[in-house]
Amino acid sequence: MATPVQEPPQSSGGKRKGKAQYVQAKRTRRCDGGGSRQLEPGLQGILITCNMNERKCVEEAYSLLNEYGDDMYGPEKFTDKDQQPSGSEGEDDDMEAALKKEVGDIKASTEMKLRRFQSVESGANNVVFIRTLGIEPEKLVHHILQDMYKTKKKKTRVILRMLPISGTCKAFLEDMKKYAETFLEPWFKSPNKGTFQIVYKSRNNSHMNRDEVIKELAGIVGSLNSENKVDLTNPQYTVVVEIIKAVCCLSVVKDYMLFRKYNLQEVVKSAKDPSQLNPKQSVQAGNGKEAKFESGNKSNQHDPAEGKNNQQAVPENNEELGQTKPRSETQVVNEGGAKPELESQVTERSESSENDLS
């Protein structure tokens, strides 16, 4: 709403009165086709991290996603303005019916303008969120990384990591537990099973506890099927938890370690080239298809895309307190006599390359 701003009074000799000037108030930014431009519960999309150049990051994301989106789902179809629905030409005697028809026309026109990919405000620096419609984010991102892993062709300059987000909810423990119970069923509910790990990151949020979230989610996975086991080396599934302000983003991805934590800059590098690997990084190749990367003590590098709440767990043993390892482990034990124990260890390693920023 516009607010009046009074001009300063003029000298006593002047006859002119001060006029009230109205300054237009700031409005919430919205998409061209309607809908909020802020990250909120109920969205699906792709969370992308970059290094100080968000505008260029959005441009690269649109180009990359449209290229592979057209390959998987076909070209995006648009409707001309002339073909958009319009109200009745004649005057309607019933004003209520005419009003309902007009509202329906506006909604239908808005739906036609919604794009397959639309950037929204993420709420954190160096983080871009691309809302998706009519596609499966996890399959699209996996397809992109798989192609880049095979061809070793670099297609981006400022995009670092690209994480699919299959669902969002409020970033409160009770809301996350309730949402995760149904969200995780397609991957972990009996008869489905698999090895898993949980990776957690929080930005611009101070009320969530990292250890509590990991423990609750690991307990939910174990309750869905007792045969689900933790594997930090080469898990079949990785549960990604990204918290930004009051929104929790969840996804379950495959080949998380093989695709270098879904880092587009690292996945195109050849593992055979020793110049691209840290000297302290040992590479153990399996059947020539998968590789396991174990890093030792590394210098702690600052990640501009991370918030202040990317905490590390404190080691349980007193002997470990004297060691200065950037690597932290959190053990989650499912208490109860009848249920098997779940030990969920989430290991956060600082990457050797400056481009491997999360």
Protein backbone atom coordinates (compact mmCIF):
# COMPACT_ATOMS: atom_id res chain seq x y z
CA MET A 1 0.00 0.00 0.00
CA ALA A 2 1.27 3.45 -0.85
CA THR A 3 2.30 5.59 2.10
CA PRO A 4 2.16 9.41 2.01
CA VAL A 5 5.39 11.31 2.49
CA GLN A 6 4.98 14.98 3.45
CA GLU A 7 7.30 17.53 1.88
CA PRO A 8 9.25 19.80 4.26
CA PRO A 9 7.51 23.15 4.92
CA GLN A 10 8.57 26.04 2.74
CA SER A 11 9.61 29.49 3.93
CA SER A 12 6.93 31.79 5.36
CA GLY A 13 7.06 34.01 2.26
CA GLY A 14 5.88 31.22 -0.04
CA LYS A 15 2.17 30.78 -0.74
CA ARG A 16 2.46 27.22 -2.00
CA LYS A 17 1.34 24.34 0.22
CA GLY A 18 3.36 21.18 0.53
CA LYS A 19 1.97 18.28 -1.49
CA ALA A 20 1.74 14.75 -0.18
CA GLN A 21 3.88 12.45 -2.31
CA TYR A 22 3.05 8.77 -2.42
CA VAL A 23 5.82 6.20 -2.52
CA GLN A 24 4.98 2.79 -3.92
CA ALA A 25 5.55 0.06 -1.33
CA LYS A 26 7.57 -3.01 -2.20
CA ARG A 27 5.57 -6.00 -3.29
CA THR A 28 6.33 -9.69 -3.05
CA ARG A 29 7.97 -10.92 -6.21
CA ARG A 30 5.93 -13.47 -8.07
CA CYS A 31 6.49 -15.67 -11.07
CA ASP A 32 5.48 -14.49 -14.50
CA GLY A 33 2.89 -17.24 -14.62
CA GLY A 34 1.71 -16.83 -11.03
CA GLY A 35 2.73 -18.49 -7.80
CA SER A 36 5.15 -17.45 -5.10
CA ARG A 37 8.80 -16.93 -5.93
CA GLN A 38 9.98 -18.17 -2.56
CA LEU A 39 10.94 -21.64 -1.44
CA GLU A 40 8.05 -23.06 0.56
CA PRO A 41 6.61 -26.43 1.64
CA GLY A 42 4.92 -28.47 -1.06
CA LEU A 43 7.38 -27.80 -3.90
CA GLN A 44 9.51 -30.11 -6.01
CA GLY A 45 12.60 -28.99 -7.80
CA ILE A 46 16.37 -28.90 -7.98
CA LEU A 47 18.66 -27.26 -5.44
CA ILE A 48 21.82 -25.86 -7.02
CA THR A 49 24.88 -24.38 -5.32
CA CYS A 50 27.20 -21.94 -7.01
CA ASN A 51 30.14 -19.69 -6.24
CA MET A 52 29.19 -16.01 -5.94
CA ASN A 53 27.40 -15.67 -9.29
CA GLU A 54 23.75 -16.62 -8.85
CA ARG A 55 22.52 -14.92 -12.03
CA LYS A 56 24.95 -16.85 -14.20
CA CYS A 57 24.07 -19.98 -12.25
CA VAL A 58 20.38 -19.60 -13.13
CA GLU A 59 21.24 -19.13 -16.81
CA GLU A 60 23.39 -22.26 -16.85
CA ALA A 61 20.71 -24.21 -14.98
CA TYR A 62 17.99 -23.27 -17.47
CA SER A 63 20.21 -24.21 -20.40
CA LEU A 64 21.28 -27.55 -18.92
CA LEU A 65 17.85 -28.56 -17.63
CA ASN A 66 16.07 -27.64 -20.86
CA GLU A 67 18.61 -29.59 -22.89
CA TYR A 68 18.17 -32.81 -20.93
CA GLY A 69 14.50 -32.16 -20.16
CA ASP A 70 13.67 -32.01 -23.85
CA ASP A 71 15.67 -35.21 -24.33
CA MET A 72 13.71 -37.10 -21.65
CA TYR A 73 10.23 -35.54 -21.80
CA GLY A 74 10.11 -33.91 -25.22
CA PRO A 75 10.00 -30.20 -26.07
CA GLU A 76 8.01 -27.96 -23.78
CA LYS A 77 4.68 -26.90 -25.32
CA PHE A 78 3.48 -23.32 -25.08
CA THR A 79 0.08 -21.78 -25.73
CA ASP A 80 -0.27 -18.60 -27.76
CA LYS A 81 -1.97 -15.63 -26.19
CA ASP A 82 -4.71 -15.76 -28.78
CA GLN A 83 -5.52 -19.32 -27.71
CA GLN A 84 -5.89 -18.49 -24.04
CA PRO A 85 -9.42 -18.87 -22.69
CA SER A 86 -11.51 -15.74 -22.57
CA GLY A 87 -14.77 -14.78 -20.94
CA SER A 88 -18.13 -14.79 -22.67
CA GLU A 89 -18.55 -12.08 -25.29
CA GLY A 90 -22.08 -11.14 -24.32
CA GLU A 91 -23.11 -9.61 -21.03
CA ASP A 92 -24.28 -12.05 -18.42
CA ASP A 93 -27.35 -11.11 -16.44
CA ASP A 94 -26.22 -13.17 -13.50
CA MET A 95 -23.30 -11.21 -12.00
CA GLU A 96 -22.27 -14.05 -9.73
CA ALA A 97 -21.97 -16.51 -12.59
CA ALA A 98 -20.03 -13.95 -14.63
CA LEU A 99 -17.62 -13.40 -11.75
CA LYS A 100 -17.03 -17.14 -11.28
CA LYS A 101 -16.37 -17.51 -15.00
CA GLU A 102 -13.85 -14.69 -14.93
CA VAL A 103 -12.02 -16.23 -11.98
CA GLY A 104 -11.91 -19.56 -13.79
CA ASP A 105 -10.49 -17.90 -16.89
CA ILE A 106 -7.73 -16.25 -14.84
CA LYS A 107 -6.79 -19.56 -13.20
CA ALA A 108 -6.72 -21.38 -16.53
CA SER A 109 -4.60 -18.63 -18.08
CA THR A 110 -2.17 -18.81 -15.15
CA GLU A 111 -1.77 -22.58 -15.54
CA MET A 112 -0.88 -22.13 -19.19
CA LYS A 113 1.92 -19.71 -18.34
CA LEU A 114 3.62 -21.99 -15.79
CA ARG A 115 6.98 -23.16 -17.09
CA ARG A 116 8.59 -26.55 -16.70
CA PHE A 117 11.50 -24.93 -14.83
CA GLN A 118 11.15 -21.75 -12.78
CA SER A 119 13.70 -20.16 -10.47
CA VAL A 120 12.48 -19.18 -7.00
CA GLU A 121 14.16 -17.43 -4.07
CA SER A 122 15.97 -20.04 -2.00
CA GLY A 123 16.58 -17.93 1.10
CA ALA A 124 20.35 -18.53 1.20
CA ASN A 125 23.35 -17.00 -0.53
CA ASN A 126 24.98 -18.96 -3.37
CA VAL A 127 22.00 -21.32 -3.49
CA VAL A 128 19.48 -21.43 -6.33
CA PHE A 129 16.23 -23.41 -6.30
CA ILE A 130 14.61 -24.35 -9.61
CA ARG A 131 10.97 -25.37 -9.20
CA THR A 132 9.90 -28.19 -11.53
CA LEU A 133 6.49 -29.14 -12.92
CA GLY A 134 5.51 -32.38 -14.60
CA ILE A 135 8.90 -34.11 -14.26
CA GLU A 136 10.72 -36.29 -11.72
CA PRO A 137 13.70 -34.28 -10.43
CA GLU A 138 15.71 -37.29 -9.19
CA LYS A 139 15.54 -39.06 -12.56
CA LEU A 140 16.42 -35.93 -14.53
CA VAL A 141 19.44 -35.02 -12.37
CA HIS A 142 20.67 -38.62 -12.35
CA HIS A 143 20.44 -38.66 -16.14
CA ILE A 144 22.48 -35.43 -16.38
CA LEU A 145 25.21 -36.68 -14.05
CA GLN A 146 25.34 -40.09 -15.69
CA ASP A 147 25.89 -38.53 -19.09
CA MET A 148 28.56 -36.15 -17.81
CA TYR A 149 30.27 -39.00 -15.92
CA LYS A 150 30.49 -41.09 -19.10
CA THR A 151 31.44 -38.36 -21.56
CA LYS A 152 33.64 -36.33 -19.15
CA LYS A 153 32.40 -33.23 -20.96
CA LYS A 154 32.21 -30.11 -18.82
CA LYS A 155 29.01 -28.15 -19.48
CA THR A 156 28.90 -25.61 -16.65
CA ARG A 157 31.27 -23.04 -15.17
CA VAL A 158 29.63 -21.67 -12.01
CA ILE A 159 27.28 -24.52 -11.02
CA LEU A 160 28.81 -26.69 -8.33
CA ARG A 161 26.32 -29.21 -6.97
CA MET A 162 22.91 -30.13 -8.35
CA LEU A 163 20.63 -31.94 -5.90
CA PRO A 164 17.12 -33.10 -6.80
CA ILE A 165 14.45 -32.22 -4.23
CA SER A 166 11.52 -34.62 -4.32
CA GLY A 167 9.60 -32.99 -1.49
CA THR A 168 9.62 -30.09 0.96
CA CYS A 169 8.03 -29.60 4.37
CA LYS A 170 8.29 -27.31 7.39
CA ALA A 171 11.67 -27.47 9.11
CA PHE A 172 10.40 -28.60 12.51
CA LEU A 173 11.18 -32.02 13.91
CA GLU A 174 7.59 -33.19 14.31
CA ASP A 175 6.64 -32.02 10.82
CA MET A 176 9.71 -33.70 9.34
CA LYS A 177 8.99 -37.00 11.10
CA LYS A 178 5.38 -37.03 9.94
CA TYR A 179 6.36 -36.17 6.37
CA ALA A 180 9.30 -38.62 6.20
CA GLU A 181 7.19 -41.59 7.29
CA THR A 182 5.31 -41.54 3.99
CA PHE A 183 8.02 -39.91 1.88
CA LEU A 184 10.60 -42.69 2.45
CA GLU A 185 8.21 -45.59 1.81
CA PRO A 186 8.88 -46.05 -1.96
CA TRP A 187 12.56 -46.80 -1.27
CA PHE A 188 12.67 -48.47 2.14
CA LYS A 189 9.28 -49.99 3.01
CA SER A 190 9.07 -53.77 2.85
CA PRO A 191 9.49 -55.53 0.46
CA ASN A 192 11.81 -52.75 -0.73
CA LYS A 193 15.13 -52.51 1.07
CA GLY A 194 18.66 -51.21 0.59
CA THR A 195 21.77 -49.79 2.17
CA PHE A 196 21.68 -46.10 2.94
CA GLN A 197 23.39 -43.09 4.42
CA ILE A 198 22.04 -39.72 5.56
CA VAL A 199 23.67 -36.40 4.65
CA TYR A 200 22.54 -33.26 6.43
CA LYS A 201 23.12 -29.57 5.84
CA SER A 202 21.48 -26.53 7.40
CA ARG A 203 21.56 -22.93 6.20
CA ASN A 204 20.18 -19.87 7.99
CA ASN A 205 18.54 -22.06 10.62
CA SER A 206 19.39 -22.28 14.30
CA HIS A 207 16.52 -24.22 15.88
CA MET A 208 17.19 -27.64 14.29
CA ASN A 209 19.61 -30.12 15.87
CA ARG A 210 21.64 -32.12 13.41
CA ASP A 211 22.02 -35.23 15.57
CA GLU A 212 18.32 -35.37 16.43
CA VAL A 213 17.27 -35.14 12.79
CA ILE A 214 19.67 -37.90 11.72
CA LYS A 215 18.63 -40.16 14.58
CA GLU A 216 14.90 -39.75 13.87
CA LEU A 217 15.26 -40.32 10.13
CA ALA A 218 17.47 -43.38 10.65
CA GLY A 219 14.87 -44.77 13.05
CA ILE A 220 12.12 -44.26 10.48
CA VAL A 221 14.13 -46.06 7.80
CA GLY A 222 14.74 -48.96 10.20
CA SER A 223 11.09 -49.17 11.15
CA LEU A 224 10.01 -49.45 7.51
CA ASN A 225 12.16 -52.54 7.01
CA SER A 226 14.58 -54.12 9.49
CA GLU A 227 16.82 -55.23 6.60
CA ASN A 228 17.77 -51.65 5.72
CA LYS A 229 21.43 -51.26 6.67
CA VAL A 230 23.84 -48.35 6.93
CA ASP A 231 26.71 -48.17 4.44
CA LEU A 232 28.96 -45.12 4.32
CA THR A 233 31.32 -46.47 1.67
CA ASN A 234 29.04 -47.26 -1.24
CA PRO A 235 25.37 -46.99 -0.21
CA GLN A 236 22.58 -47.88 -2.56
CA TYR A 237 20.57 -44.84 -1.45
CA THR A 238 21.54 -41.50 0.06
CA VAL A 239 18.93 -39.56 2.00
CA VAL A 240 19.64 -35.86 1.39
CA VAL A 241 18.39 -33.39 4.01
CA GLU A 242 18.79 -29.71 3.10
CA ILE A 243 17.34 -27.16 5.52
CA ILE A 244 17.05 -23.51 4.50
CA LYS A 245 15.42 -21.19 7.02
CA ALA A 246 12.06 -22.80 7.91
CA VAL A 247 11.88 -25.20 4.94
CA CYS A 248 13.22 -28.76 4.87
CA CYS A 249 14.10 -30.24 1.46
CA LEU A 250 14.25 -34.03 1.18
CA SER A 251 15.33 -36.44 -1.52
CA VAL A 252 16.64 -39.97 -1.96
CA VAL A 253 19.33 -40.31 -4.63
CA LYS A 254 21.44 -43.09 -6.12
CA ASP A 255 25.17 -43.19 -6.95
CA TYR A 256 25.89 -40.32 -4.57
CA MET A 257 29.53 -41.31 -4.04
CA LEU A 258 30.10 -42.43 -7.62
CA PHE A 259 28.97 -39.05 -8.96
CA ARG A 260 31.17 -37.20 -6.45
CA LYS A 261 28.33 -36.01 -4.23
CA TYR A 262 26.46 -34.76 -7.30
CA ASN A 263 29.14 -32.19 -8.03
CA LEU A 264 29.15 -31.24 -11.71
CA GLN A 265 32.71 -29.90 -11.57
CA GLU A 266 34.16 -33.07 -10.03
CA VAL A 267 32.15 -35.70 -11.89
CA VAL A 268 33.80 -34.81 -15.22
CA LYS A 269 37.30 -35.32 -13.84
CA SER A 270 39.04 -38.57 -14.56
CA ALA A 271 39.88 -40.61 -11.49
CA LYS A 272 42.97 -41.97 -13.26
CA ASP A 273 44.62 -38.57 -13.41
CA PRO A 274 46.67 -38.19 -10.18
CA SER A 275 47.01 -34.43 -10.69
CA GLN A 276 43.27 -34.00 -10.08
CA LEU A 277 43.28 -35.93 -6.81
CA ASN A 278 44.60 -34.98 -3.38
CA PRO A 279 47.84 -36.79 -2.52
CA LYS A 280 46.24 -37.96 0.73
CA GLN A 281 43.22 -39.31 -1.09
CA SER A 282 43.31 -43.05 -1.67
CA VAL A 283 41.37 -44.40 -4.60
CA GLN A 284 40.22 -47.98 -4.50
CA ALA A 285 38.66 -49.12 -7.76
CA GLY A 286 36.25 -52.01 -7.76
CA ASN A 287 35.32 -53.70 -11.04
CA GLY A 288 36.38 -50.71 -13.06
CA LYS A 289 32.97 -49.08 -12.70
CA GLU A 290 32.85 -47.76 -9.17
CA ALA A 291 35.46 -46.01 -7.07
CA LYS A 292 35.63 -45.34 -3.35
CA PHE A 293 37.25 -42.13 -2.17
CA GLU A 294 38.53 -41.94 1.37
CA SER A 295 40.08 -38.70 2.49
CA GLY A 296 42.39 -38.28 5.44
CA ASN A 297 43.16 -35.09 7.28
CA LYS A 298 42.52 -32.11 5.02
CA SER A 299 42.66 -28.38 5.44
CA ASN A 300 39.29 -26.98 6.39
CA GLN A 301 38.07 -24.79 3.54
CA HIS A 302 35.27 -22.24 3.89
CA ASP A 303 32.24 -22.90 1.74
CA PRO A 304 30.42 -19.72 0.70
CA ALA A 305 27.27 -21.72 0.03
CA GLU A 306 27.11 -23.09 3.57
CA GLY A 307 25.44 -21.29 6.43
CA LYS A 308 26.68 -20.99 9.96
CA ASN A 309 24.66 -23.98 11.11
CA ASN A 310 26.60 -26.66 9.23
CA GLN A 311 27.64 -28.21 12.53
CA GLN A 312 29.88 -31.14 13.21
CA ALA A 313 29.19 -33.81 15.78
CA VAL A 314 31.48 -34.15 18.81
CA PRO A 315 33.25 -37.53 19.04
CA GLU A 316 32.04 -39.76 21.82
CA ASN A 317 35.44 -41.10 22.96
CA ASN A 318 37.62 -38.86 25.06
CA GLU A 319 40.66 -40.01 23.11
CA GLU A 320 39.26 -38.46 19.93
CA LEU A 321 38.90 -35.05 21.54
CA GLY A 322 42.62 -34.47 21.34
CA GLN A 323 42.73 -35.10 17.62
CA THR A 324 42.10 -32.27 15.19
CA LYS A 325 40.29 -34.13 12.44
CA PRO A 326 37.77 -32.24 10.32
CA ARG A 327 35.99 -35.53 9.88
CA SER A 328 33.09 -36.09 12.26
CA GLU A 329 30.98 -39.16 12.95
CA THR A 330 27.55 -39.41 14.49
CA GLN A 331 26.31 -42.74 15.74
CA VAL A 332 22.58 -43.33 15.93
CA VAL A 333 21.43 -46.38 17.87
CA ASN A 334 17.84 -47.56 17.70
CA GLU A 335 17.09 -48.44 21.28
CA GLY A 336 14.78 -51.34 21.99
CA GLY A 337 15.15 -55.00 22.73
CA ALA A 338 13.16 -56.44 19.82
CA LYS A 339 14.40 -54.13 17.11
CA PRO A 340 17.90 -54.40 15.63
CA GLU A 341 20.37 -51.67 16.25
CA LEU A 342 20.91 -49.04 13.58
CA GLU A 343 24.20 -47.21 13.51
CA SER A 344 23.96 -44.23 11.20
CA GLN A 345 27.24 -42.50 10.70
CA VAL A 346 27.24 -39.35 8.69
CA THR A 347 30.71 -38.35 7.59
CA GLU A 348 31.34 -34.86 6.30
CA ARG A 349 34.60 -34.43 4.47
CA SER A 350 35.90 -31.12 3.20
CA GLU A 351 36.76 -31.57 -0.47
CA SER A 352 40.27 -30.99 -1.71
CA SER A 353 39.19 -29.04 -4.78
CA GLU A 354 37.89 -25.51 -4.41
CA ASN A 355 35.12 -26.31 -6.88
CA ASP A 356 33.72 -29.11 -4.72
CA LEU A 357 31.66 -26.78 -2.57
CA SER A 358 28.39 -27.87 -1.13
